[in-house]
Amino acid sequence: MTTAAPLIGFYLHFKPHILMVLAQIAYTFMYIITEASFNNGMNPSVYVTYRHVVAGLVMLPFAYFMERKTRPKLTKALFLEIFVLSLLGVSLTLNMYFTSLKYTSPTLLACMVNTIASLTFILAVILRLEVANVRSPRGIAKILGTGISLAGVMTMTLYKGPALEKVGDALIHIRGSTTVIQENWFKGSLLTVASCITWSIWYIMQAYTLKRYPAQLSLATWMNFVGAAQSAVFTVIVQHKKAAWTIGLNIDLWSTLYGGVVISGIVTYVQLWCTEAKGPVFVTLFNPLSTLLVAALAYFVLGEKLYIGSIIGGAIVVTGLYLLLWGKEHDQSQMKLKEPEDPKALIFSSDENNLKGEP
């Protein structure tokens, strides 16, 4: 008992840190297993549809029983909001996001996700949900961080650069035709940027919806099912082959189950728990970890090409992100010192949804 006590204390103290590291590792494998599935022939839109059906089924019992007494009545106006949220947060965004994975690389996507915080900050300033005080060092840091992050995105999008030399043969082979995929790098980059913009709009709108429907599990379940239905309609329009909807006991099935159960289910819950325990700034500090893990795994294990433009742009994005987070940290500490009576302060305090940015 005496020997175990320090270990238990260490675990309890660093439990949020451990959980967030595990969450970023889970995201890393999502990028890799999803790319493998797409290269095996799975349609990205079919993947988005099936993944969110799985996620909705997994979250439904938890939402029903845990929020049975606190869930507000779903009105037509609220359902319309959920429909738009599902379009921005699931069907439109993820279809662009995962389609871009066919044309670029997991490394680029992992880097781009770090810019969602900067884009959300810009929208929040425009809507006056955020304050950018140019006379404060923290305010200057937020503005500089936003600009630097976007400069990093432009670097990754417009400058590909030479590829690094491979250190050896790939340990795992998942690609079918690397040259065809890399020829559409610019197209894939634009799709990724567009998905990050719609994600940012989704986070802003989510803050308003949660005020009228403060049931996070139920809201997430609705968005999963509605988003899956929207994605299914879109897929039927653009994909006329019935065979595209058929998946067997292969990488397509495992990537769908992994994305639905682990990412949209377990990891989402872990992030919500860590946000409540340590705040949104703490959660977003771990986002660059998946960027580094994806780049290392893709280069050393999968034999992916690693381009100078991605390295430079990724470093710029991470630098800007940490400047923005340093400025945001002051805002979070100020929010804890006073009761948020003003409605705008209440929206601002829901920033736990504005800075996460997960696929």
Protein backbone atom coordinates (compact mmCIF):
# COMPACT_ATOMS: atom_id res chain seq x y z
CA MET A 1 0.00 0.00 0.00
CA THR A 2 2.81 2.37 0.89
CA THR A 3 4.57 1.71 -2.41
CA ALA A 4 1.40 2.10 -4.46
CA ALA A 5 0.31 5.38 -2.84
CA PRO A 6 2.82 7.61 -4.73
CA LEU A 7 1.88 5.94 -8.03
CA ILE A 8 -1.82 6.49 -7.39
CA GLY A 9 -1.18 10.10 -6.48
CA PHE A 10 0.91 10.58 -9.62
CA TYR A 11 -1.84 9.06 -11.75
CA LEU A 12 -4.59 11.19 -10.20
CA HIS A 13 -2.53 14.35 -10.64
CA PHE A 14 -1.58 13.65 -14.26
CA LYS A 15 -4.77 11.82 -15.29
CA PRO A 16 -5.91 14.61 -17.69
CA HIS A 17 -2.43 14.72 -19.25
CA ILE A 18 -2.37 10.96 -19.75
CA LEU A 19 -5.87 10.92 -21.25
CA MET A 20 -5.07 13.70 -23.72
CA VAL A 21 -1.86 12.00 -24.84
CA LEU A 22 -3.87 8.80 -25.44
CA ALA A 23 -6.49 10.83 -27.34
CA GLN A 24 -3.86 12.28 -29.67
CA ILE A 25 -2.42 8.79 -30.23
CA ALA A 26 -5.94 7.67 -31.16
CA TYR A 27 -6.21 10.53 -33.66
CA THR A 28 -2.86 9.53 -35.14
CA PHE A 29 -4.06 6.01 -35.90
CA MET A 30 -7.32 7.43 -37.30
CA TYR A 31 -5.40 9.36 -39.99
CA ILE A 32 -3.37 6.29 -40.91
CA ILE A 33 -6.15 3.67 -40.89
CA THR A 34 -8.51 6.00 -42.79
CA GLU A 35 -5.94 6.66 -45.50
CA ALA A 36 -5.37 2.91 -45.79
CA SER A 37 -9.10 2.38 -46.21
CA PHE A 38 -9.38 5.05 -48.91
CA ASN A 39 -6.47 3.55 -50.80
CA ASN A 40 -8.22 0.20 -50.56
CA GLY A 41 -11.08 1.73 -52.55
CA MET A 42 -13.54 2.97 -49.92
CA ASN A 43 -15.45 6.10 -50.86
CA PRO A 44 -14.83 8.97 -48.36
CA SER A 45 -18.52 9.95 -48.37
CA VAL A 46 -19.57 6.37 -47.62
CA TYR A 47 -17.04 6.35 -44.80
CA VAL A 48 -18.45 9.57 -43.32
CA THR A 49 -22.00 8.17 -43.53
CA TYR A 50 -21.23 4.81 -41.92
CA ARG A 51 -18.92 6.30 -39.29
CA HIS A 52 -21.57 8.64 -37.94
CA VAL A 53 -24.27 6.00 -38.00
CA VAL A 54 -21.97 3.93 -35.77
CA ALA A 55 -21.20 6.94 -33.56
CA GLY A 56 -24.89 7.79 -33.22
CA LEU A 57 -25.80 4.24 -32.23
CA VAL A 58 -22.99 4.17 -29.66
CA MET A 59 -23.95 7.52 -28.09
CA LEU A 60 -27.74 7.05 -28.21
CA PRO A 61 -28.15 4.98 -25.01
CA PHE A 62 -25.84 7.29 -23.04
CA ALA A 63 -27.69 10.38 -24.26
CA TYR A 64 -31.10 8.85 -23.56
CA PHE A 65 -30.47 7.68 -20.00
CA MET A 66 -27.95 10.27 -18.75
CA GLU A 67 -29.84 13.34 -20.04
CA ARG A 68 -33.36 12.01 -19.70
CA LYS A 69 -34.33 14.58 -17.04
CA THR A 70 -32.27 17.54 -18.26
CA ARG A 71 -32.83 17.38 -22.03
CA PRO A 72 -35.00 20.30 -23.31
CA LYS A 73 -37.90 19.75 -25.68
CA LEU A 74 -36.83 19.59 -29.31
CA THR A 75 -38.74 22.26 -31.25
CA LYS A 76 -38.85 22.77 -35.02
CA ALA A 77 -36.54 25.79 -34.71
CA LEU A 78 -34.02 23.78 -32.68
CA PHE A 79 -34.15 20.91 -35.15
CA LEU A 80 -33.44 23.36 -37.98
CA GLU A 81 -30.40 24.57 -36.04
CA ILE A 82 -29.26 20.99 -35.54
CA PHE A 83 -29.71 20.38 -39.26
CA VAL A 84 -27.40 23.31 -40.08
CA LEU A 85 -24.94 22.24 -37.36
CA SER A 86 -24.86 18.73 -38.80
CA LEU A 87 -24.19 20.15 -42.26
CA LEU A 88 -21.30 22.29 -41.00
CA GLY A 89 -19.87 19.87 -38.45
CA VAL A 90 -20.40 16.49 -40.11
CA SER A 91 -21.60 16.06 -43.68
CA LEU A 92 -20.15 19.03 -45.58
CA THR A 93 -17.00 19.47 -43.53
CA LEU A 94 -15.94 15.84 -43.15
CA ASN A 95 -16.72 15.00 -46.77
CA MET A 96 -14.32 17.75 -47.85
CA TYR A 97 -11.83 16.83 -45.14
CA PHE A 98 -11.57 13.12 -45.86
CA THR A 99 -11.75 13.60 -49.64
CA SER A 100 -8.67 15.82 -49.31
CA LEU A 101 -6.88 12.90 -47.64
CA LYS A 102 -7.02 11.05 -50.98
CA TYR A 103 -5.10 13.89 -52.63
CA THR A 104 -2.60 14.95 -49.96
CA SER A 105 -1.25 13.14 -46.91
CA PRO A 106 -2.11 12.50 -43.23
CA THR A 107 0.71 14.88 -42.24
CA LEU A 108 -0.88 17.84 -44.05
CA LEU A 109 -4.33 17.17 -42.56
CA ALA A 110 -2.93 16.86 -39.04
CA CYS A 111 -1.13 20.20 -39.46
CA MET A 112 -4.17 21.97 -40.85
CA VAL A 113 -6.35 21.01 -37.88
CA ASN A 114 -4.18 23.24 -35.68
CA THR A 115 -5.46 26.31 -37.57
CA ILE A 116 -9.09 25.86 -36.50
CA ALA A 117 -8.41 27.74 -33.25
CA SER A 118 -7.04 30.71 -35.22
CA LEU A 119 -9.94 30.75 -37.68
CA THR A 120 -12.45 30.50 -34.83
CA PHE A 121 -10.74 33.43 -33.11
CA ILE A 122 -11.12 35.59 -36.24
CA LEU A 123 -14.82 34.78 -36.53
CA ALA A 124 -15.34 35.40 -32.81
CA VAL A 125 -13.72 38.84 -33.10
CA ILE A 126 -15.93 39.71 -36.09
CA LEU A 127 -19.04 38.64 -34.12
CA ARG A 128 -17.75 40.46 -31.01
CA LEU A 129 -17.56 37.29 -28.97
CA GLU A 130 -13.82 37.86 -28.53
CA VAL A 131 -11.81 40.93 -27.59
CA ALA A 132 -8.52 41.67 -29.32
CA ASN A 133 -6.86 44.37 -27.21
CA VAL A 134 -3.91 45.74 -29.22
CA ARG A 135 -2.63 47.55 -26.11
CA SER A 136 -2.18 44.30 -24.18
CA PRO A 137 0.72 41.86 -24.74
CA ARG A 138 -1.80 39.01 -24.57
CA GLY A 139 -4.03 40.67 -27.14
CA ILE A 140 -1.07 41.27 -29.45
CA ALA A 141 -0.06 37.61 -29.00
CA LYS A 142 -3.54 36.46 -30.09
CA ILE A 143 -3.45 38.64 -33.20
CA LEU A 144 0.11 37.65 -34.11
CA GLY A 145 -0.60 33.98 -33.41
CA THR A 146 -3.62 34.04 -35.70
CA GLY A 147 -1.69 35.68 -38.52
CA ILE A 148 1.30 33.36 -38.15
CA SER A 149 -0.91 30.26 -38.15
CA LEU A 150 -2.65 31.34 -41.35
CA ALA A 151 0.76 32.08 -42.91
CA GLY A 152 1.72 28.51 -42.10
CA VAL A 153 -1.41 27.24 -43.84
CA MET A 154 -0.60 29.27 -46.94
CA THR A 155 2.93 27.85 -46.89
CA MET A 156 1.67 24.27 -46.80
CA THR A 157 -0.93 24.97 -49.48
CA LEU A 158 1.15 26.91 -51.99
CA TYR A 159 4.64 25.50 -51.38
CA LYS A 160 5.24 21.79 -51.61
CA GLY A 161 9.03 21.83 -51.96
CA PRO A 162 11.38 18.87 -52.37
CA ALA A 163 10.79 15.60 -50.57
CA LEU A 164 13.13 14.35 -47.88
CA GLU A 165 15.17 11.28 -48.71
CA LYS A 166 13.74 8.06 -47.36
CA VAL A 167 15.60 6.52 -44.45
CA GLY A 168 14.73 2.98 -45.53
CA ASP A 169 12.01 0.74 -46.90
CA ALA A 170 8.49 1.14 -45.54
CA LEU A 171 7.60 -1.30 -42.77
CA ILE A 172 3.92 -1.20 -43.74
CA HIS A 173 2.60 -0.62 -47.26
CA ILE A 174 -0.84 0.98 -47.57
CA ARG A 175 -0.69 3.08 -50.73
CA GLY A 176 -1.85 2.01 -54.12
CA SER A 177 -0.75 4.80 -56.43
CA THR A 178 1.33 7.47 -54.74
CA THR A 179 2.10 9.49 -57.87
CA VAL A 180 -1.57 9.96 -58.82
CA ILE A 181 -2.44 11.11 -55.32
CA GLN A 182 0.43 13.58 -55.02
CA GLU A 183 -0.43 15.18 -58.38
CA ASN A 184 -3.60 16.62 -56.77
CA TRP A 185 -1.79 18.17 -53.80
CA PHE A 186 -3.10 21.72 -54.42
CA LYS A 187 -6.69 20.51 -54.88
CA GLY A 188 -6.51 18.52 -51.66
CA SER A 189 -4.98 21.45 -49.78
CA LEU A 190 -7.84 23.74 -50.82
CA LEU A 191 -10.39 21.16 -49.66
CA THR A 192 -8.64 20.92 -46.30
CA VAL A 193 -8.61 24.70 -45.85
CA ALA A 194 -12.31 24.89 -46.78
CA SER A 195 -13.16 22.17 -44.24
CA CYS A 196 -11.27 24.03 -41.50
CA ILE A 197 -13.24 27.22 -42.28
CA THR A 198 -16.61 25.43 -42.07
CA TRP A 199 -15.48 23.73 -38.87
CA SER A 200 -14.72 27.14 -37.36
CA ILE A 201 -18.19 28.42 -38.30
CA TRP A 202 -19.62 25.30 -36.69
CA TYR A 203 -17.86 25.96 -33.39
CA ILE A 204 -19.17 29.53 -33.29
CA MET A 205 -22.74 28.45 -34.05
CA GLN A 206 -22.48 25.61 -31.56
CA ALA A 207 -21.97 28.13 -28.73
CA TYR A 208 -25.37 29.69 -29.48
CA THR A 209 -27.19 26.35 -29.89
CA LEU A 210 -25.87 24.99 -26.59
CA LYS A 211 -27.49 27.92 -24.78
CA ARG A 212 -30.92 26.79 -26.02
CA TYR A 213 -30.22 23.05 -25.97
CA PRO A 214 -27.76 22.42 -23.10
CA ALA A 215 -27.58 18.66 -23.54
CA GLN A 216 -24.22 17.85 -25.10
CA LEU A 217 -24.67 14.08 -25.45
CA SER A 218 -28.10 14.45 -27.02
CA LEU A 219 -26.91 17.23 -29.33
CA ALA A 220 -23.95 15.13 -30.45
CA THR A 221 -26.22 12.12 -31.05
CA TRP A 222 -28.62 14.18 -33.14
CA MET A 223 -25.76 15.65 -35.17
CA ASN A 224 -24.34 12.17 -35.81
CA PHE A 225 -27.62 10.80 -37.14
CA VAL A 226 -28.66 13.92 -39.10
CA GLY A 227 -25.14 14.34 -40.49
CA ALA A 228 -25.08 10.69 -41.55
CA ALA A 229 -28.41 11.14 -43.37
CA GLN A 230 -27.15 14.28 -45.14
CA SER A 231 -23.96 12.52 -46.15
CA ALA A 232 -25.96 9.54 -47.43
CA VAL A 233 -28.08 11.80 -49.67
CA PHE A 234 -24.96 13.52 -51.01
CA THR A 235 -23.25 10.17 -51.61
CA VAL A 236 -26.23 8.76 -53.52
CA ILE A 237 -26.16 11.82 -55.81
CA VAL A 238 -22.44 11.66 -56.62
CA GLN A 239 -21.89 7.91 -56.29
CA HIS A 240 -24.16 5.74 -58.42
CA LYS A 241 -22.40 2.43 -57.87
CA LYS A 242 -24.12 0.18 -55.35
CA ALA A 243 -20.86 -1.65 -54.79
CA ALA A 244 -19.43 1.46 -53.10
CA TRP A 245 -21.79 0.88 -50.15
CA THR A 246 -20.62 -2.67 -49.62
CA ILE A 247 -17.81 -3.27 -47.15
CA GLY A 248 -16.41 -6.59 -46.07
CA LEU A 249 -14.33 -7.86 -43.17
CA ASN A 250 -11.34 -5.77 -44.20
CA ILE A 251 -9.71 -2.42 -43.50
CA ASP A 252 -12.89 -0.57 -44.59
CA LEU A 253 -14.94 -2.10 -41.78
CA TRP A 254 -12.25 -1.60 -39.15
CA SER A 255 -11.66 2.04 -40.10
CA THR A 256 -15.41 2.73 -39.90
CA LEU A 257 -15.77 1.08 -36.50
CA TYR A 258 -12.62 2.77 -35.22
CA GLY A 259 -13.74 6.21 -36.39
CA GLY A 260 -17.25 5.79 -34.98
CA VAL A 261 -16.56 4.08 -31.64
CA VAL A 262 -13.10 5.36 -30.71
CA ILE A 263 -12.93 8.87 -32.25
CA SER A 264 -16.55 10.05 -32.34
CA GLY A 265 -17.37 8.15 -29.15
CA ILE A 266 -14.60 7.58 -26.60
CA VAL A 267 -12.22 10.39 -27.62
CA THR A 268 -15.06 12.93 -27.72
CA TYR A 269 -16.03 11.99 -24.17
CA VAL A 270 -12.39 12.16 -23.00
CA GLN A 271 -11.99 15.64 -24.47
CA LEU A 272 -15.20 16.86 -22.83
CA TRP A 273 -14.03 15.47 -19.46
CA CYS A 274 -10.60 17.08 -19.78
CA THR A 275 -12.15 20.38 -20.87
CA GLU A 276 -14.33 20.40 -17.77
CA ALA A 277 -11.40 19.44 -15.52
CA LYS A 278 -8.62 21.62 -16.96
CA GLY A 279 -10.20 24.00 -19.46
CA PRO A 280 -10.15 24.30 -23.27
CA VAL A 281 -6.65 25.80 -23.41
CA PHE A 282 -5.25 22.66 -21.79
CA VAL A 283 -7.01 20.42 -24.33
CA THR A 284 -5.83 22.33 -27.40
CA LEU A 285 -2.23 22.37 -26.16
CA PHE A 286 -2.03 18.68 -27.09
CA ASN A 287 -3.22 19.07 -30.72
CA PRO A 288 0.30 19.47 -32.19
CA LEU A 289 1.24 16.11 -30.65
CA SER A 290 -0.83 14.23 -33.23
CA THR A 291 0.80 16.33 -35.96
CA LEU A 292 4.26 15.18 -34.89
CA LEU A 293 3.14 11.56 -34.41
CA VAL A 294 1.46 11.40 -37.83
CA ALA A 295 4.49 12.89 -39.57
CA ALA A 296 6.88 10.49 -37.83
CA LEU A 297 4.70 7.42 -38.40
CA ALA A 298 3.99 8.26 -42.04
CA TYR A 299 7.66 8.90 -42.81
CA PHE A 300 9.47 6.22 -40.84
CA VAL A 301 6.91 3.38 -40.80
CA LEU A 302 4.72 3.83 -43.88
CA GLY A 303 7.39 5.23 -46.18
CA GLU A 304 5.34 8.34 -46.99
CA LYS A 305 7.07 11.23 -48.68
CA LEU A 306 7.70 14.13 -46.32
CA TYR A 307 7.92 17.50 -48.08
CA ILE A 308 9.90 20.53 -46.98
CA GLY A 309 6.82 22.74 -47.41
CA SER A 310 4.86 20.63 -44.90
CA ILE A 311 7.69 20.79 -42.37
CA ILE A 312 8.14 24.56 -42.65
CA GLY A 313 4.42 25.26 -42.74
CA GLY A 314 3.74 22.92 -39.83
CA ALA A 315 6.40 24.60 -37.68
CA ILE A 316 4.90 28.03 -38.49
CA VAL A 317 1.38 26.81 -37.65
CA VAL A 318 2.45 25.37 -34.28
CA THR A 319 4.33 28.57 -33.40
CA GLY A 320 1.28 30.68 -34.17
CA LEU A 321 -0.99 28.29 -32.28
CA TYR A 322 1.02 28.55 -29.07
CA LEU A 323 1.11 32.35 -29.31
CA LEU A 324 -2.68 32.34 -29.63
CA LEU A 325 -3.07 29.93 -26.73
CA TRP A 326 -0.75 32.03 -24.55
CA GLY A 327 -3.01 35.00 -25.16
CA LYS A 328 -6.14 32.91 -24.55
CA GLU A 329 -4.80 31.59 -21.25
CA HIS A 330 -5.13 35.08 -19.74
CA ASP A 331 -8.78 35.18 -20.86
CA GLN A 332 -9.49 31.86 -19.18
CA SER A 333 -7.92 32.97 -15.88
CA GLN A 334 -9.96 36.19 -15.98
CA MET A 335 -13.17 34.23 -16.55
CA LYS A 336 -12.55 32.24 -13.36
CA LEU A 337 -12.26 35.43 -11.30
CA LYS A 338 -15.76 36.71 -12.03
CA GLU A 339 -19.24 35.37 -12.53
CA PRO A 340 -20.28 35.61 -16.19
CA GLU A 341 -23.58 37.51 -15.91
CA ASP A 342 -23.48 39.06 -19.37
CA PRO A 343 -24.92 36.85 -22.16
CA LYS A 344 -21.82 37.40 -24.30
CA ALA A 345 -19.69 36.24 -21.38
CA LEU A 346 -21.77 33.10 -21.19
CA ILE A 347 -21.13 32.42 -24.86
CA PHE A 348 -17.45 33.12 -24.38
CA SER A 349 -17.28 30.73 -21.43
CA SER A 350 -18.47 27.98 -23.76
CA ASP A 351 -15.15 28.24 -25.62
CA GLU A 352 -14.58 24.65 -24.56
CA ASN A 353 -16.16 23.82 -27.90
CA ASN A 354 -14.42 26.57 -29.87
CA LEU A 355 -10.83 25.38 -29.65
CA LYS A 356 -10.92 21.61 -29.86
CA GLY A 357 -11.10 21.05 -33.59
CA GLU A 358 -11.20 17.29 -33.97
CA PRO A 359 -12.17 15.28 -37.04
